[in-house]
Amino acid sequence: MYSYEFRVTGYPFRLYSGKDALERLPAEVARNGARRAYIVCGRTVSRHTPLVPRMRELLGERLAGVFDEIDKDTSRSSVTRATEAARAARADLVIGVGAGSVIQGARIVTILLAEKRPVEQLVTQYPGDGPAISPKLLEPKLPIVNVLTAPTTAQNRAGSRMKDDATARGMEFFDPKTRPVAIFWDADALLTAPPQLIRTGAATIWCRAVMSLGAMDDNPLVEGDRLQSYRLASGAIPRIADPADPAPRFDLCAAALLQNRESDDGGEQFARHWAMRVAYAFSTALISVFPQVGQGEGYSMVMGAALRRLGGRDPEAMTRIANALGMGSVAAAEAPSRIADRMDSVFRSLGMPTRLSELGIARQGLPRVLELSLANFNADPKREFVRERGALEEVLDAAW
């Protein structure tokens, strides 16, 4: 049964997709009146692929410079240096070239260029006795163009996260004015990403698509977004191993974009049942604590344990997921373990770990993962995790 009580919001951007899509980049920069475009990326893209040289040639005098040291964690130190470099170059448009970390970093750069307050006054605040507070970031922001090298849901969001170097905690910004004016899915750009990056991104997008199948009371637009996202992600997974085929990478870009559109079409940012919320919190914390962990590995290592330990708290959602996965009439009590088995099988087919110990995660590091997870307010807006500390500890122990 659909819910017909909903609100849809739309944000304008241009999407250029296909072979030689980047040939339209100069026209897009000119359309936004920019004369000093500034590229923000990571070292691998800049120093080990032909992508940035290609963009230099395309933009010519309209390119004011390149900062290529945004790191995997979107650390505060790297974003600060990128902001200083963009300010020195007198940038009037920012081009994020990369995947999730870089795209988020580019957004934060435009915020720090524009806002005059200290960083601590710009990030979302989490008072102990009330809901989260996102400060109003009212200054105009430079236009942003995102050139993807790998599929990511970061491509057109308004929220961004960077990691504080000293504490490893996430610092979260939210500003709708940092949504991109244009996104590029260029075939050659997407083929620059190594198989490992595509694999972890594919696992993340597919995992979220599966978990979203358990959402209830969808409106008809959100249901369409979710079903098509799942279809695209599931179809892409078996084909991502071919480093010369851009098609599955395009499909994953589209699946990720549809997952973002769920929110714009009146849905939730991600499935709100317990298993997904806890897996998301653990995955985010694992990335912060252990450098060898990508988001996809974070999910693959904890999703099974989260489902088996917590899936029973949301029986209707689990039944819906099992039915959508073609498992037939599965009893509600059996659904979580059946779903976990299916997901572990897919993760293993990608060569991904399904236990923390398989990736060399030190058991003594798990208390730090737990503490960061208990403070993940995106996953736990009602502050329920603190009361469930023991249950979360059991999930981590089972995942190890």
Protein backbone atom coordinates (compact mmCIF):
# COMPACT_ATOMS: atom_id res chain seq x y z
CA MET A 1 0.00 0.00 0.00
CA TYR A 2 1.41 3.35 -1.03
CA SER A 3 1.55 6.44 1.13
CA TYR A 4 0.15 9.39 -0.78
CA GLU A 5 1.15 11.92 1.86
CA PHE A 6 4.54 13.18 0.71
CA ARG A 7 6.56 16.14 -0.50
CA VAL A 8 9.01 16.15 -3.42
CA THR A 9 11.87 18.62 -3.78
CA GLY A 10 13.98 19.16 -6.87
CA TYR A 11 17.45 20.61 -7.33
CA PRO A 12 18.66 21.64 -10.79
CA PHE A 13 21.84 20.17 -12.22
CA ARG A 14 23.07 19.06 -15.61
CA LEU A 15 24.25 15.49 -16.10
CA TYR A 16 26.65 14.64 -18.92
CA SER A 17 27.08 10.91 -19.47
CA GLY A 18 28.84 8.72 -21.99
CA LYS A 19 31.94 8.49 -24.12
CA ASP A 20 33.75 11.85 -24.34
CA ALA A 21 31.23 13.47 -22.00
CA LEU A 22 34.07 15.62 -20.63
CA GLU A 23 34.27 17.45 -23.96
CA ARG A 24 31.33 19.47 -22.62
CA LEU A 25 33.28 20.62 -19.57
CA PRO A 26 34.58 23.92 -21.04
CA ALA A 27 31.08 24.92 -22.10
CA GLU A 28 29.72 24.07 -18.64
CA VAL A 29 32.42 26.14 -16.94
CA ALA A 30 31.68 29.06 -19.28
CA ARG A 31 27.92 28.68 -18.71
CA ASN A 32 28.53 29.36 -15.03
CA GLY A 33 30.59 32.46 -15.82
CA ALA A 34 33.81 31.00 -14.41
CA ARG A 35 37.25 32.11 -15.54
CA ARG A 36 39.31 30.55 -12.74
CA ALA A 37 38.10 26.98 -12.28
CA TYR A 38 39.98 25.04 -9.61
CA ILE A 39 40.35 21.24 -9.53
CA VAL A 40 40.28 19.35 -6.22
CA CYS A 41 41.29 15.68 -6.37
CA GLY A 42 43.53 13.00 -4.86
CA ARG A 43 47.08 12.03 -5.72
CA THR A 44 46.22 8.87 -7.64
CA VAL A 45 43.90 10.65 -10.07
CA SER A 46 46.36 13.47 -10.63
CA ARG A 47 49.64 11.58 -10.76
CA HIS A 48 48.78 8.14 -12.09
CA THR A 49 46.03 8.70 -14.67
CA PRO A 50 45.72 10.92 -17.76
CA LEU A 51 42.49 12.50 -16.47
CA VAL A 52 43.79 15.76 -14.99
CA PRO A 53 46.13 16.45 -17.93
CA ARG A 54 43.15 15.92 -20.21
CA MET A 55 41.13 18.44 -18.19
CA ARG A 56 44.02 20.92 -18.25
CA GLU A 57 44.03 20.72 -22.02
CA LEU A 58 40.26 21.11 -22.24
CA LEU A 59 40.05 24.10 -19.90
CA GLY A 60 43.19 25.95 -20.96
CA GLU A 61 43.34 29.44 -19.43
CA ARG A 62 40.10 28.85 -17.51
CA LEU A 63 41.93 26.45 -15.16
CA ALA A 64 43.43 28.33 -12.23
CA GLY A 65 45.10 25.36 -10.53
CA VAL A 66 44.92 21.88 -9.04
CA PHE A 67 45.03 20.65 -5.44
CA ASP A 68 45.66 16.89 -5.49
CA GLU A 69 46.06 15.88 -1.85
CA ILE A 70 42.54 15.22 -0.59
CA ASP A 71 42.96 11.95 1.29
CA LYS A 72 40.80 8.86 1.75
CA ASP A 73 39.25 10.12 4.98
CA THR A 74 38.57 13.69 3.79
CA SER A 75 40.73 14.77 6.72
CA ARG A 76 40.39 18.24 8.15
CA SER A 77 44.05 18.98 7.42
CA SER A 78 43.80 18.11 3.72
CA VAL A 79 40.55 20.07 3.27
CA THR A 80 42.07 23.09 5.02
CA ARG A 81 45.08 23.04 2.71
CA ALA A 82 42.80 22.67 -0.33
CA THR A 83 40.80 25.71 0.81
CA GLU A 84 43.93 27.81 1.25
CA ALA A 85 45.18 26.80 -2.20
CA ALA A 86 41.82 27.59 -3.86
CA ARG A 87 41.69 30.97 -2.11
CA ALA A 88 45.23 31.81 -3.25
CA ALA A 89 44.27 30.87 -6.81
CA ARG A 90 41.20 33.15 -6.64
CA ALA A 91 38.97 30.28 -7.68
CA ASP A 92 35.49 31.11 -8.97
CA LEU A 93 34.32 27.51 -9.55
CA VAL A 94 35.41 24.23 -7.94
CA ILE A 95 35.70 20.95 -9.85
CA GLY A 96 35.72 17.80 -7.72
CA VAL A 97 37.44 14.96 -9.57
CA GLY A 98 37.18 11.59 -7.87
CA ALA A 99 34.76 9.60 -5.73
CA GLY A 100 33.19 10.06 -2.30
CA SER A 101 36.03 11.57 -0.26
CA VAL A 102 37.04 14.08 -2.91
CA ILE A 103 33.49 15.07 -3.83
CA GLN A 104 32.70 15.75 -0.17
CA GLY A 105 35.98 17.61 0.20
CA ALA A 106 35.18 19.88 -2.73
CA ARG A 107 31.88 20.84 -1.11
CA ILE A 108 33.55 21.66 2.18
CA VAL A 109 36.14 23.78 0.35
CA THR A 110 33.38 26.02 -1.02
CA ILE A 111 31.90 26.35 2.49
CA LEU A 112 35.20 27.30 4.08
CA LEU A 113 35.93 29.77 1.28
CA ALA A 114 32.63 31.55 1.86
CA GLU A 115 31.85 31.38 5.58
CA LYS A 116 33.79 33.60 7.99
CA ARG A 117 33.07 31.77 11.25
CA PRO A 118 35.35 29.14 12.86
CA VAL A 119 34.86 25.61 11.56
CA GLU A 120 33.41 24.45 14.88
CA GLN A 121 30.53 26.90 14.39
CA LEU A 122 29.80 25.65 10.87
CA VAL A 123 29.38 21.93 11.57
CA THR A 124 26.25 20.17 12.78
CA GLN A 125 25.89 20.30 16.56
CA TYR A 126 24.59 17.40 18.65
CA PRO A 127 23.36 18.62 22.05
CA GLY A 128 22.90 15.92 24.65
CA ASP A 129 19.28 16.82 25.34
CA GLY A 130 17.77 17.53 21.94
CA PRO A 131 17.83 17.01 18.17
CA ALA A 132 20.78 17.82 15.95
CA ILE A 133 21.24 21.44 14.93
CA SER A 134 22.63 22.29 11.49
CA PRO A 135 23.84 25.90 11.45
CA LYS A 136 22.49 28.10 8.67
CA LEU A 137 25.33 28.61 6.20
CA LEU A 138 23.97 31.67 4.45
CA GLU A 139 26.90 32.95 2.39
CA PRO A 140 26.76 32.32 -1.38
CA LYS A 141 28.91 29.39 -2.48
CA LEU A 142 31.02 28.91 -5.58
CA PRO A 143 29.45 26.63 -8.20
CA ILE A 144 30.63 23.03 -8.10
CA VAL A 145 31.14 20.59 -10.98
CA ASN A 146 31.66 16.92 -10.09
CA VAL A 147 33.61 14.62 -12.39
CA LEU A 148 33.21 11.06 -11.12
CA THR A 149 35.96 8.47 -11.32
CA ALA A 150 33.84 5.91 -9.46
CA PRO A 151 30.15 5.54 -8.59
CA THR A 152 29.19 7.30 -5.37
CA THR A 153 26.12 8.67 -3.63
CA ALA A 154 28.21 11.74 -2.79
CA GLN A 155 27.77 12.97 -6.35
CA ASN A 156 24.82 15.31 -5.71
CA ARG A 157 24.22 15.53 -1.98
CA ALA A 158 24.19 18.62 0.22
CA GLY A 159 25.78 17.03 3.27
CA SER A 160 29.52 16.51 3.67
CA ARG A 161 31.72 14.86 6.28
CA MET A 162 35.37 15.36 7.09
CA LYS A 163 37.42 13.59 9.74
CA ASP A 164 39.04 15.52 12.54
CA ASP A 165 42.72 14.51 12.52
CA ALA A 166 43.08 14.60 16.30
CA THR A 167 39.96 12.70 17.40
CA ALA A 168 38.92 10.73 14.26
CA ARG A 169 35.37 11.98 14.79
CA GLY A 170 33.31 13.10 11.84
CA MET A 171 32.60 16.80 11.37
CA GLU A 172 29.42 17.20 9.32
CA PHE A 173 28.35 20.12 7.17
CA PHE A 174 24.99 20.64 5.50
CA ASP A 175 24.39 23.29 2.87
CA PRO A 176 21.98 22.87 -0.09
CA LYS A 177 23.98 25.53 -1.93
CA THR A 178 26.82 23.03 -2.30
CA ARG A 179 24.84 20.75 -4.57
CA PRO A 180 26.59 20.60 -7.95
CA VAL A 181 25.58 22.58 -10.99
CA ALA A 182 26.80 19.71 -13.17
CA ILE A 183 27.88 16.07 -12.92
CA PHE A 184 30.01 14.21 -15.46
CA TRP A 185 29.92 10.45 -15.99
CA ASP A 186 32.66 10.20 -18.60
CA ALA A 187 33.59 6.70 -19.79
CA ASP A 188 37.35 7.23 -19.72
CA ALA A 189 37.18 9.01 -16.35
CA LEU A 190 35.22 6.11 -14.82
CA LEU A 191 37.74 3.62 -16.23
CA THR A 192 40.59 5.31 -14.34
CA ALA A 193 39.36 3.85 -11.04
CA PRO A 194 41.18 0.67 -9.98
CA PRO A 195 39.11 -2.51 -9.51
CA GLN A 196 39.43 -2.26 -5.71
CA LEU A 197 37.74 1.14 -5.64
CA ILE A 198 34.96 -0.01 -7.96
CA ARG A 199 34.45 -3.13 -5.87
CA THR A 200 34.06 -1.28 -2.58
CA GLY A 201 31.74 1.28 -4.17
CA ALA A 202 29.64 -1.41 -5.83
CA ALA A 203 29.30 -3.31 -2.56
CA THR A 204 28.18 -0.17 -0.75
CA ILE A 205 25.59 0.78 -3.36
CA TRP A 206 24.28 -2.78 -3.67
CA CYS A 207 24.09 -3.25 0.12
CA ARG A 208 22.08 -0.08 0.54
CA ALA A 209 19.81 -1.05 -2.37
CA VAL A 210 19.04 -4.40 -0.76
CA MET A 211 18.37 -2.92 2.67
CA SER A 212 16.09 -0.25 1.20
CA LEU A 213 13.83 -2.99 -0.14
CA GLY A 214 12.57 -3.35 3.43
CA ALA A 215 11.22 0.19 3.65
CA MET A 216 7.50 0.50 4.28
CA ASP A 217 4.90 3.06 3.25
CA ASP A 218 6.82 4.18 0.17
CA ASN A 219 5.16 6.69 -2.06
CA PRO A 220 5.04 5.56 -5.72
CA LEU A 221 8.03 7.70 -6.72
CA VAL A 222 10.27 6.39 -3.95
CA GLU A 223 9.31 2.81 -4.74
CA GLY A 224 10.36 3.37 -8.34
CA ASP A 225 13.69 4.85 -7.26
CA ARG A 226 14.42 1.93 -4.95
CA LEU A 227 13.41 -0.87 -7.26
CA GLN A 228 15.36 0.53 -10.21
CA SER A 229 18.39 1.22 -8.03
CA TYR A 230 18.36 -2.40 -6.85
CA ARG A 231 17.92 -3.71 -10.40
CA LEU A 232 20.84 -1.66 -11.71
CA ALA A 233 23.16 -2.47 -8.80
CA SER A 234 22.37 -6.19 -8.87
CA GLY A 235 22.93 -6.34 -12.60
CA ALA A 236 26.24 -4.49 -12.36
CA ILE A 237 27.79 -6.58 -9.56
CA PRO A 238 28.71 -9.63 -11.71
CA ARG A 239 30.30 -7.41 -14.41
CA ILE A 240 32.55 -5.06 -12.47
CA ALA A 241 35.66 -7.25 -12.75
CA ASP A 242 36.21 -6.22 -16.39
CA PRO A 243 38.53 -3.18 -16.18
CA ALA A 244 37.78 -2.21 -19.79
CA ASP A 245 33.98 -2.17 -19.59
CA PRO A 246 32.47 1.13 -18.43
CA ALA A 247 28.85 -0.12 -18.63
CA PRO A 248 28.56 -1.54 -15.08
CA ARG A 249 30.19 1.63 -13.76
CA PHE A 250 27.58 3.74 -15.52
CA ASP A 251 24.84 1.51 -14.06
CA LEU A 252 26.24 1.95 -10.56
CA CYS A 253 26.43 5.72 -11.02
CA ALA A 254 22.76 5.69 -11.97
CA ALA A 255 21.87 3.41 -9.04
CA ALA A 256 23.62 5.77 -6.63
CA LEU A 257 21.88 8.81 -8.10
CA LEU A 258 18.51 7.10 -7.68
CA GLN A 259 19.33 6.35 -4.05
CA ASN A 260 19.84 10.07 -3.51
CA ARG A 261 16.60 10.80 -5.32
CA GLU A 262 14.74 8.70 -2.75
CA SER A 263 15.22 11.53 -0.26
CA ASP A 264 14.20 14.21 -2.75
CA ASP A 265 11.10 12.18 -3.63
CA GLY A 266 9.98 11.97 0.00
CA GLY A 267 11.83 8.90 1.26
CA GLU A 268 14.36 8.49 4.05
CA GLN A 269 18.09 8.90 3.49
CA PHE A 270 18.63 5.20 4.13
CA ALA A 271 16.64 2.30 5.52
CA ARG A 272 15.79 2.95 9.15
CA HIS A 273 15.59 -0.62 10.40
CA TRP A 274 18.03 -1.67 13.10
CA ALA A 275 20.33 -3.90 11.05
CA MET A 276 21.09 -1.22 8.47
CA ARG A 277 21.43 1.59 11.00
CA VAL A 278 23.97 -0.34 13.05
CA ALA A 279 25.86 -1.61 9.99
CA TYR A 280 26.10 1.95 8.67
CA ALA A 281 27.41 3.25 12.00
CA PHE A 282 29.98 0.45 12.27
CA SER A 283 31.10 0.85 8.65
CA THR A 284 31.65 4.59 9.09
CA ALA A 285 33.62 4.02 12.31
CA LEU A 286 35.74 1.24 10.81
CA ILE A 287 36.79 3.55 7.97
CA SER A 288 37.92 6.14 10.50
CA VAL A 289 39.86 3.73 12.73
CA PHE A 290 41.42 1.32 10.22
CA PRO A 291 43.06 2.78 7.07
CA GLN A 292 42.72 -0.47 5.10
CA VAL A 293 38.92 -0.43 5.30
CA GLY A 294 36.73 1.04 2.57
CA GLN A 295 33.02 1.58 3.03
CA GLY A 296 32.16 -1.53 1.06
CA GLU A 297 34.43 -3.66 3.24
CA GLY A 298 32.91 -2.03 6.30
CA TYR A 299 29.49 -3.25 5.21
CA SER A 300 30.62 -6.68 4.04
CA MET A 301 32.29 -7.44 7.40
CA VAL A 302 29.41 -6.44 9.67
CA MET A 303 26.19 -6.71 7.66
CA GLY A 304 25.71 -10.43 8.25
CA ALA A 305 26.19 -10.16 12.00
CA ALA A 306 23.91 -7.12 12.20
CA LEU A 307 21.14 -8.96 10.35
CA ARG A 308 21.45 -12.15 12.40
CA ARG A 309 21.56 -10.31 15.73
CA LEU A 310 19.20 -7.39 15.10
CA GLY A 311 17.09 -8.23 12.05
CA GLY A 312 14.39 -9.79 14.21
CA ARG A 313 13.57 -6.37 15.63
CA ASP A 314 12.04 -5.38 12.29
CA PRO A 315 10.20 -8.49 11.11
CA GLU A 316 8.06 -6.77 8.50
CA ALA A 317 11.06 -5.09 6.89
CA MET A 318 12.97 -8.39 6.83
CA THR A 319 10.04 -10.20 5.26
CA ARG A 320 9.77 -7.54 2.58
CA ILE A 321 13.47 -7.83 1.76
CA ALA A 322 13.29 -11.63 1.60
CA ASN A 323 10.30 -11.46 -0.74
CA ALA A 324 12.01 -8.88 -2.97
CA LEU A 325 15.08 -11.13 -3.17
CA GLY A 326 12.89 -13.94 -4.48
CA MET A 327 13.06 -16.15 -1.40
CA GLY A 328 9.38 -16.95 -1.48
CA SER A 329 7.26 -17.22 1.65
CA VAL A 330 9.96 -17.11 4.31
CA ALA A 331 8.85 -17.09 7.96
CA ALA A 332 9.63 -13.77 9.62
CA ALA A 333 11.88 -15.49 12.17
CA GLU A 334 14.00 -17.05 9.43
CA ALA A 335 14.23 -14.02 7.14
CA PRO A 336 17.19 -12.21 8.76
CA SER A 337 19.52 -15.22 8.60
CA ARG A 338 18.43 -16.07 5.05
CA ILE A 339 19.10 -12.50 3.93
CA ALA A 340 22.45 -12.51 5.74
CA ASP A 341 23.46 -15.75 4.02
CA ARG A 342 22.54 -14.31 0.61
CA MET A 343 24.45 -11.07 1.21
CA ASP A 344 27.53 -12.87 2.55
CA SER A 345 27.50 -15.04 -0.57
CA VAL A 346 27.47 -12.01 -2.86
CA PHE A 347 30.20 -10.28 -0.88
CA ARG A 348 32.37 -13.40 -1.05
CA SER A 349 31.78 -13.65 -4.81
CA LEU A 350 33.40 -10.21 -5.04
CA GLY A 351 36.37 -11.39 -3.00
CA MET A 352 35.37 -9.26 -0.01
CA PRO A 353 35.78 -10.18 3.67
CA THR A 354 32.69 -11.14 5.64
CA ARG A 355 34.38 -11.11 9.06
CA LEU A 356 36.51 -8.40 10.67
CA SER A 357 39.31 -10.85 11.40
CA GLU A 358 39.67 -11.62 7.67
CA LEU A 359 40.96 -8.10 7.04
CA GLY A 360 43.37 -8.11 9.95
CA ILE A 361 41.20 -5.91 12.16
CA ALA A 362 42.73 -5.98 15.64
CA ARG A 363 40.24 -6.99 18.28
CA GLN A 364 41.65 -4.39 20.67
CA GLY A 365 40.54 -1.69 18.23
CA LEU A 366 36.85 -2.62 18.49
CA PRO A 367 36.09 -0.53 21.60
CA ARG A 368 37.12 2.56 19.61
CA VAL A 369 34.81 1.48 16.77
CA LEU A 370 31.97 1.09 19.26
CA GLU A 371 32.50 4.53 20.80
CA LEU A 372 32.49 6.25 17.42
CA SER A 373 29.39 4.29 16.40
CA LEU A 374 27.52 5.35 19.53
CA ALA A 375 28.08 8.95 18.44
CA ASN A 376 26.88 8.46 14.84
CA PHE A 377 23.81 10.68 14.87
CA ASN A 378 22.91 10.09 11.24
CA ALA A 379 22.37 6.43 12.07
CA ASP A 380 20.91 7.13 15.49
CA PRO A 381 18.97 10.42 15.50
CA LYS A 382 16.87 9.39 18.51
CA ARG A 383 19.92 8.40 20.59
CA GLU A 384 18.81 4.79 20.99
CA PHE A 385 22.26 3.23 20.58
CA VAL A 386 23.54 4.25 24.02
CA ARG A 387 20.74 2.27 25.66
CA GLU A 388 21.60 -0.67 23.40
CA ARG A 389 25.34 -0.64 24.00
CA GLY A 390 25.39 -4.32 24.97
CA ALA A 391 23.57 -5.35 21.80
CA LEU A 392 25.99 -3.39 19.63
CA GLU A 393 28.94 -4.97 21.45
CA GLU A 394 27.48 -8.40 20.67
CA VAL A 395 27.19 -7.54 16.97
CA LEU A 396 30.81 -6.40 16.81
CA ASP A 397 31.96 -9.52 18.64
CA ALA A 398 29.98 -11.74 16.27
CA ALA A 399 31.36 -9.89 13.25
CA TRP A 400 34.94 -10.45 14.36
